[in-house]
Amino acid sequence: MSFHVSKSVKVVLAGICATAMLASVAACGTTDESDQSATPKSSASNTSSVKKDDKIAAMLPDSIKKDGKFTVGTSPDYAPAEFLDKDGKTPIGYEMDIAKAVSAVFGLKFDPTSAEFDSIMPGVGSKYDVGISGFTMDPARKDAGEFVSFMNEGATFVVQKGNPKKLSTDDLCGHSIAVQTGTVHETTVKDLSQKCVASGKKAIDIQSMKEQTVVATNVSTGKADAFLADSPVSGYAVKKSDGGLEFLGKTFNMTPEAVVVKKGDMQTAKAVQAAIQKLIDDGTYMKILKSWGSESGAVKEAKINNYDDIK
């Protein structure tokens, strides 16, 4: 796969084969309909033992603590990171478990608030205390917030089983690629399309959708030739498709995934970093990731604005 470094996304092949990624993801769902298998058996106990840490809680600004809630903006359509449980209203997933555990460390009630993905970041600091919704540390977002990283993610293309359009990651020009609106994957595909045009080829038909479930459905139904998403999300969709979807190429764009904090609010960023680090150190963090089959992206240290770690 021959990508070049762009202004907003540094791209390199991670060398992880698609079948290995498939083996690492949870065998649950990404369809619009939730089911009994959506929640891992261990999920309910992932955060039950987490207690308030008075020292870390004291790090939070009073403006966040005063209402007794930790309000998290999220777009619950990105399984297995965040999606709706079988009741159709409760956000679950590995990011939601981590957010709930962080809330417990702060001694606050976990308050997940659903929103469209591209509206979350502008609302952090006003509507939401933080944003947790598959946000990766794209350098183009530097001025939009402070980022507390807690795992590493890559990106993977997905096509219909058998790759009927005979796509190649070396040349996607003229094909239709679905992405979720506002994600770094949208930026990646836009960059690729510009390169197509610059080389005299047809532009990529970029299908930008508000919800990841629609992105995956468009490929399943043939409305789009492929989609691009975070590697665990792509793997989750492939697993749930019962043989209808498959990976195209290898995982690339290895990038830290992060909690978004209001730009300039380093007090909250440091408190979130300390809370996540506590969860990493006491084993809660790994317990959560393993229950969702997402441990391949685990890190040993939570960091703030660690753009140097982008590969």
Protein backbone atom coordinates (compact mmCIF):
# COMPACT_ATOMS: atom_id res chain seq x y z
CA MET A 1 0.00 0.00 0.00
CA SER A 2 1.70 3.18 -1.12
CA PHE A 3 0.64 6.25 0.86
CA HIS A 4 2.65 9.42 1.41
CA VAL A 5 2.70 11.61 4.51
CA SER A 6 0.02 14.32 4.36
CA LYS A 7 -0.31 17.54 6.35
CA SER A 8 -2.98 16.10 8.61
CA VAL A 9 -2.27 12.39 8.76
CA LYS A 10 1.07 10.60 8.88
CA VAL A 11 0.60 7.23 7.26
CA VAL A 12 2.65 4.08 7.55
CA LEU A 13 1.87 0.43 7.27
CA ALA A 14 1.63 -1.32 10.60
CA GLY A 15 2.26 -4.75 9.16
CA ILE A 16 -0.63 -6.33 11.01
CA CYS A 17 -2.46 -8.87 8.92
CA ALA A 18 -6.20 -8.61 8.67
CA THR A 19 -6.88 -12.08 9.95
CA ALA A 20 -4.95 -11.35 13.12
CA MET A 21 -7.03 -8.26 13.68
CA LEU A 22 -10.20 -10.24 13.17
CA ALA A 23 -9.10 -12.68 15.82
CA SER A 24 -8.54 -9.85 18.27
CA VAL A 25 -11.98 -8.27 18.13
CA ALA A 26 -15.10 -9.18 20.04
CA ALA A 27 -17.69 -11.40 18.43
CA CYS A 28 -20.55 -8.97 18.87
CA GLY A 29 -22.60 -6.64 16.67
CA THR A 30 -22.46 -3.48 14.64
CA THR A 31 -25.89 -3.56 13.09
CA ASP A 32 -28.63 -1.11 13.99
CA GLU A 33 -30.31 -3.88 15.95
CA SER A 34 -28.71 -4.73 19.28
CA ASP A 35 -28.83 -8.24 20.69
CA GLN A 36 -28.19 -10.33 23.76
CA SER A 37 -24.58 -10.87 22.72
CA ALA A 38 -23.81 -7.14 22.53
CA THR A 39 -22.51 -6.89 26.10
CA PRO A 40 -19.61 -9.12 27.22
CA LYS A 41 -20.49 -11.27 30.20
CA SER A 42 -17.75 -9.52 32.19
CA SER A 43 -18.75 -5.99 31.18
CA ALA A 44 -21.08 -5.42 34.13
CA SER A 45 -18.24 -6.08 36.56
CA ASN A 46 -15.59 -4.12 34.68
CA THR A 47 -16.09 -0.99 36.76
CA SER A 48 -17.97 -2.22 39.84
CA SER A 49 -14.85 -2.35 42.02
CA VAL A 50 -13.49 1.08 41.08
CA LYS A 51 -13.51 3.46 44.04
CA LYS A 52 -13.05 7.21 44.38
CA ASP A 53 -9.46 8.39 44.67
CA ASP A 54 -9.62 11.56 46.76
CA LYS A 55 -6.24 12.84 45.59
CA ILE A 56 -7.08 12.47 41.90
CA ALA A 57 -10.63 13.78 42.42
CA ALA A 58 -9.18 16.92 43.99
CA MET A 59 -7.32 17.62 40.75
CA LEU A 60 -10.57 18.29 38.86
CA PRO A 61 -11.86 21.88 38.58
CA ASP A 62 -14.82 22.72 40.80
CA SER A 63 -16.75 23.67 37.65
CA ILE A 64 -16.86 19.97 36.72
CA LYS A 65 -17.38 18.54 40.20
CA LYS A 66 -20.15 20.85 41.36
CA ASP A 67 -23.06 18.99 39.71
CA GLY A 68 -21.81 15.57 40.84
CA LYS A 69 -21.69 14.27 37.26
CA PHE A 70 -18.98 13.57 34.71
CA THR A 71 -20.67 14.41 31.42
CA VAL A 72 -19.16 12.61 28.44
CA GLY A 73 -20.05 13.49 24.86
CA THR A 74 -20.16 10.39 22.67
CA SER A 75 -21.56 9.16 19.36
CA PRO A 76 -22.77 5.61 20.22
CA ASP A 77 -22.59 4.09 16.76
CA TYR A 78 -18.98 2.93 16.69
CA ALA A 79 -18.90 -0.61 18.05
CA PRO A 80 -17.03 -1.95 19.93
CA ALA A 81 -15.83 1.44 21.25
CA GLU A 82 -19.28 2.86 21.89
CA PHE A 83 -22.71 1.73 20.75
CA LEU A 84 -26.20 1.26 22.15
CA ASP A 85 -27.07 -1.75 24.27
CA LYS A 86 -30.12 -3.91 23.57
CA ASP A 87 -32.35 -1.36 25.33
CA GLY A 88 -31.62 1.06 22.49
CA LYS A 89 -30.55 3.89 24.79
CA THR A 90 -27.60 2.86 27.00
CA PRO A 91 -24.16 3.53 25.50
CA ILE A 92 -21.80 0.58 26.04
CA GLY A 93 -18.40 -0.47 24.71
CA TYR A 94 -14.78 -0.37 25.82
CA GLU A 95 -14.58 3.43 25.72
CA MET A 96 -17.78 3.72 27.74
CA ASP A 97 -16.41 1.30 30.34
CA ILE A 98 -13.20 3.34 30.57
CA ALA A 99 -15.20 6.58 30.86
CA LYS A 100 -17.39 5.04 33.57
CA ALA A 101 -14.30 3.89 35.48
CA VAL A 102 -12.75 7.36 35.22
CA SER A 103 -15.99 8.83 36.58
CA ALA A 104 -15.78 6.44 39.53
CA VAL A 105 -12.18 7.48 40.27
CA PHE A 106 -13.44 11.08 40.39
CA GLY A 107 -16.34 10.04 42.63
CA LEU A 108 -18.80 11.38 40.05
CA LYS A 109 -21.86 9.89 38.36
CA PHE A 110 -21.13 8.74 34.82
CA ASP A 111 -23.29 10.79 32.46
CA PRO A 112 -22.88 9.68 28.82
CA THR A 113 -24.57 12.11 26.44
CA SER A 114 -25.25 11.02 22.87
CA ALA A 115 -24.49 13.37 19.97
CA GLU A 116 -23.43 13.32 16.35
CA PHE A 117 -19.69 12.76 16.14
CA ASP A 118 -18.75 16.03 14.44
CA SER A 119 -20.66 18.07 17.05
CA ILE A 120 -18.89 16.64 20.09
CA MET A 121 -15.53 18.39 19.97
CA PRO A 122 -17.05 21.89 19.61
CA GLY A 123 -19.25 21.14 22.64
CA VAL A 124 -16.46 20.04 25.01
CA GLY A 125 -16.20 22.54 27.85
CA SER A 126 -19.79 23.73 27.43
CA LYS A 127 -22.17 20.83 26.78
CA TYR A 128 -19.75 18.11 27.87
CA ASP A 129 -16.92 17.85 30.41
CA VAL A 130 -14.96 15.72 27.92
CA GLY A 131 -15.46 13.93 24.63
CA ILE A 132 -14.85 10.18 24.34
CA SER A 133 -15.87 8.81 20.97
CA GLY A 134 -13.05 7.20 19.04
CA PHE A 135 -11.10 10.46 18.79
CA THR A 136 -7.61 9.95 17.40
CA MET A 137 -4.82 12.49 17.67
CA ASP A 138 -4.80 13.98 14.21
CA PRO A 139 -2.32 16.92 14.25
CA ALA A 140 -4.99 18.92 12.42
CA ARG A 141 -6.96 18.87 15.68
CA LYS A 142 -4.22 20.42 17.82
CA ASP A 143 -6.04 23.71 18.18
CA ALA A 144 -9.39 22.09 18.90
CA GLY A 145 -8.61 20.61 22.32
CA GLU A 146 -6.22 18.91 24.70
CA PHE A 147 -5.88 15.16 24.11
CA VAL A 148 -5.28 12.51 26.78
CA SER A 149 -4.29 9.30 25.00
CA PHE A 150 -5.25 5.90 26.39
CA MET A 151 -4.67 3.37 23.58
CA ASN A 152 -3.36 2.99 20.04
CA GLU A 153 -5.53 2.43 16.99
CA GLY A 154 -4.97 1.83 13.31
CA ALA A 155 -7.24 2.09 10.28
CA THR A 156 -8.48 -0.69 8.02
CA PHE A 157 -10.45 -0.77 4.75
CA VAL A 158 -13.39 -3.17 4.46
CA VAL A 159 -15.10 -4.46 1.29
CA GLN A 160 -17.80 -6.99 0.44
CA LYS A 161 -16.74 -10.63 0.71
CA GLY A 162 -14.70 -11.66 -2.30
CA ASN A 163 -13.90 -8.03 -3.16
CA PRO A 164 -16.29 -8.00 -6.17
CA LYS A 165 -15.04 -4.61 -7.39
CA LYS A 166 -11.45 -5.92 -7.29
CA LEU A 167 -10.23 -2.95 -5.28
CA SER A 168 -6.57 -2.50 -4.40
CA THR A 169 -5.31 -0.26 -1.63
CA ASP A 170 -2.64 0.88 -4.08
CA ASP A 171 -5.29 2.46 -6.32
CA LEU A 172 -8.72 3.46 -5.01
CA CYS A 173 -9.20 6.16 -7.65
CA GLY A 174 -12.68 6.26 -9.14
CA HIS A 175 -14.18 4.04 -6.45
CA SER A 176 -16.71 4.95 -3.76
CA ILE A 177 -15.39 4.91 -0.19
CA ALA A 178 -17.66 5.43 2.84
CA VAL A 179 -16.40 7.13 6.01
CA GLN A 180 -17.93 8.63 9.13
CA THR A 181 -18.24 12.41 8.96
CA GLY A 182 -15.60 14.34 10.88
CA THR A 183 -13.22 11.43 11.42
CA VAL A 184 -9.53 11.32 10.50
CA HIS A 185 -10.52 8.61 8.03
CA GLU A 186 -12.50 11.17 6.08
CA THR A 187 -9.34 13.30 5.93
CA THR A 188 -7.28 10.31 4.80
CA VAL A 189 -9.64 9.48 1.93
CA LYS A 190 -9.80 13.14 0.88
CA ASP A 191 -5.99 13.20 0.70
CA LEU A 192 -6.00 10.03 -1.39
CA SER A 193 -8.60 11.51 -3.72
CA GLN A 194 -6.50 14.64 -4.23
CA LYS A 195 -3.55 12.45 -5.20
CA CYS A 196 -5.78 10.64 -7.71
CA VAL A 197 -6.75 13.91 -9.37
CA ALA A 198 -3.16 15.17 -9.33
CA SER A 199 -2.06 12.04 -11.20
CA GLY A 200 -4.75 12.46 -13.84
CA LYS A 201 -7.08 9.76 -12.47
CA LYS A 202 -10.69 9.93 -11.34
CA ALA A 203 -11.38 11.31 -7.87
CA ILE A 204 -12.62 8.99 -5.13
CA ASP A 205 -16.37 9.19 -4.56
CA ILE A 206 -16.34 9.95 -0.83
CA GLN A 207 -19.55 8.96 0.97
CA SER A 208 -19.49 10.84 4.28
CA MET A 209 -22.09 9.53 6.74
CA LYS A 210 -23.06 10.74 10.20
CA GLU A 211 -23.29 7.22 11.64
CA GLN A 212 -20.79 4.37 11.36
CA THR A 213 -23.61 1.84 11.15
CA VAL A 214 -24.74 3.50 7.91
CA VAL A 215 -21.15 3.49 6.64
CA ALA A 216 -20.91 -0.28 7.09
CA THR A 217 -24.41 -0.89 5.73
CA ASN A 218 -23.58 1.02 2.53
CA VAL A 219 -20.76 -1.41 1.80
CA SER A 220 -22.85 -4.45 2.71
CA THR A 221 -25.59 -3.36 0.31
CA GLY A 222 -23.23 -2.30 -2.47
CA LYS A 223 -23.93 1.44 -2.21
CA ALA A 224 -20.22 1.96 -1.52
CA ASP A 225 -17.27 -0.10 -2.72
CA ALA A 226 -15.42 0.05 0.62
CA PHE A 227 -15.31 1.81 3.96
CA LEU A 228 -12.46 2.99 6.16
CA ALA A 229 -12.65 2.95 9.97
CA ASP A 230 -10.61 2.30 13.11
CA SER A 231 -9.21 -1.22 13.05
CA PRO A 232 -11.28 -2.57 16.00
CA VAL A 233 -14.41 -1.08 14.46
CA SER A 234 -13.63 -2.58 11.06
CA GLY A 235 -12.94 -5.94 12.67
CA TYR A 236 -16.16 -5.77 14.65
CA ALA A 237 -18.16 -5.09 11.47
CA VAL A 238 -16.48 -7.96 9.62
CA LYS A 239 -17.16 -10.37 12.47
CA LYS A 240 -20.82 -9.39 12.73
CA SER A 241 -21.38 -9.59 8.96
CA ASP A 242 -21.37 -13.42 9.03
CA GLY A 243 -19.10 -13.63 6.02
CA GLY A 244 -20.57 -10.68 4.14
CA LEU A 245 -17.56 -8.40 4.61
CA GLU A 246 -13.79 -8.79 4.58
CA PHE A 247 -10.67 -6.69 5.13
CA LEU A 248 -8.86 -4.98 2.27
CA GLY A 249 -5.12 -4.66 2.80
CA LYS A 250 -3.36 -4.18 6.10
CA THR A 251 -3.82 -1.92 9.11
CA PHE A 252 -2.17 1.50 8.81
CA ASN A 253 -2.25 4.99 10.41
CA MET A 254 -1.24 3.75 13.88
CA THR A 255 -2.33 6.66 16.07
CA PRO A 256 -3.06 7.33 19.76
CA GLU A 257 -6.76 7.36 20.67
CA ALA A 258 -7.67 9.98 23.24
CA VAL A 259 -10.10 11.73 25.56
CA VAL A 260 -10.79 15.27 24.33
CA VAL A 261 -10.62 18.08 26.88
CA LYS A 262 -11.37 21.77 26.29
CA LYS A 263 -8.43 23.60 24.73
CA GLY A 264 -6.33 25.25 27.43
CA ASP A 265 -7.92 23.29 30.31
CA MET A 266 -4.79 21.50 31.43
CA GLN A 267 -6.19 21.03 34.93
CA THR A 268 -8.88 18.69 33.67
CA ALA A 269 -6.47 17.05 31.22
CA LYS A 270 -4.03 16.22 34.04
CA ALA A 271 -6.85 14.88 36.22
CA VAL A 272 -8.10 12.63 33.41
CA GLN A 273 -4.54 11.47 32.74
CA ALA A 274 -4.05 10.59 36.42
CA ALA A 275 -7.37 8.71 36.56
CA ILE A 276 -6.60 6.66 33.45
CA GLN A 277 -3.09 5.91 34.70
CA LYS A 278 -4.54 4.62 37.97
CA LEU A 279 -6.82 2.29 35.98
CA ILE A 280 -3.86 1.09 33.91
CA ASP A 281 -1.75 0.46 37.01
CA ASP A 282 -4.42 -1.40 39.00
CA GLY A 283 -5.43 -3.67 36.10
CA THR A 284 -8.95 -2.30 35.54
CA TYR A 285 -7.98 -0.88 32.16
CA MET A 286 -6.72 -4.20 30.76
CA LYS A 287 -9.72 -6.01 32.20
CA ILE A 288 -12.00 -3.68 30.24
CA LEU A 289 -10.11 -4.01 26.98
CA LYS A 290 -9.93 -7.81 27.23
CA SER A 291 -13.66 -8.09 27.83
CA TRP A 292 -14.25 -6.34 24.49
CA GLY A 293 -11.45 -8.14 22.64
CA SER A 294 -9.59 -4.85 22.15
CA GLU A 295 -6.43 -5.46 24.18
CA SER A 296 -4.20 -5.28 21.09
CA GLY A 297 -4.31 -1.48 21.35
CA ALA A 298 -3.36 -1.32 25.04
CA VAL A 299 -0.72 1.12 26.29
CA LYS A 300 1.23 1.31 29.54
CA GLU A 301 1.02 5.06 29.99
CA ALA A 302 -1.65 7.73 29.54
CA LYS A 303 -0.16 10.85 27.95
CA ILE A 304 -1.24 14.40 27.12
CA ASN A 305 -0.86 15.71 23.56
CA ASN A 306 1.70 13.04 22.63
CA TYR A 307 1.81 13.81 18.92
CA ASP A 308 5.36 12.49 18.72
CA ASP A 309 3.91 9.00 19.23
CA ILE A 310 2.05 9.13 15.91
CA LYS A 311 3.72 6.66 13.55
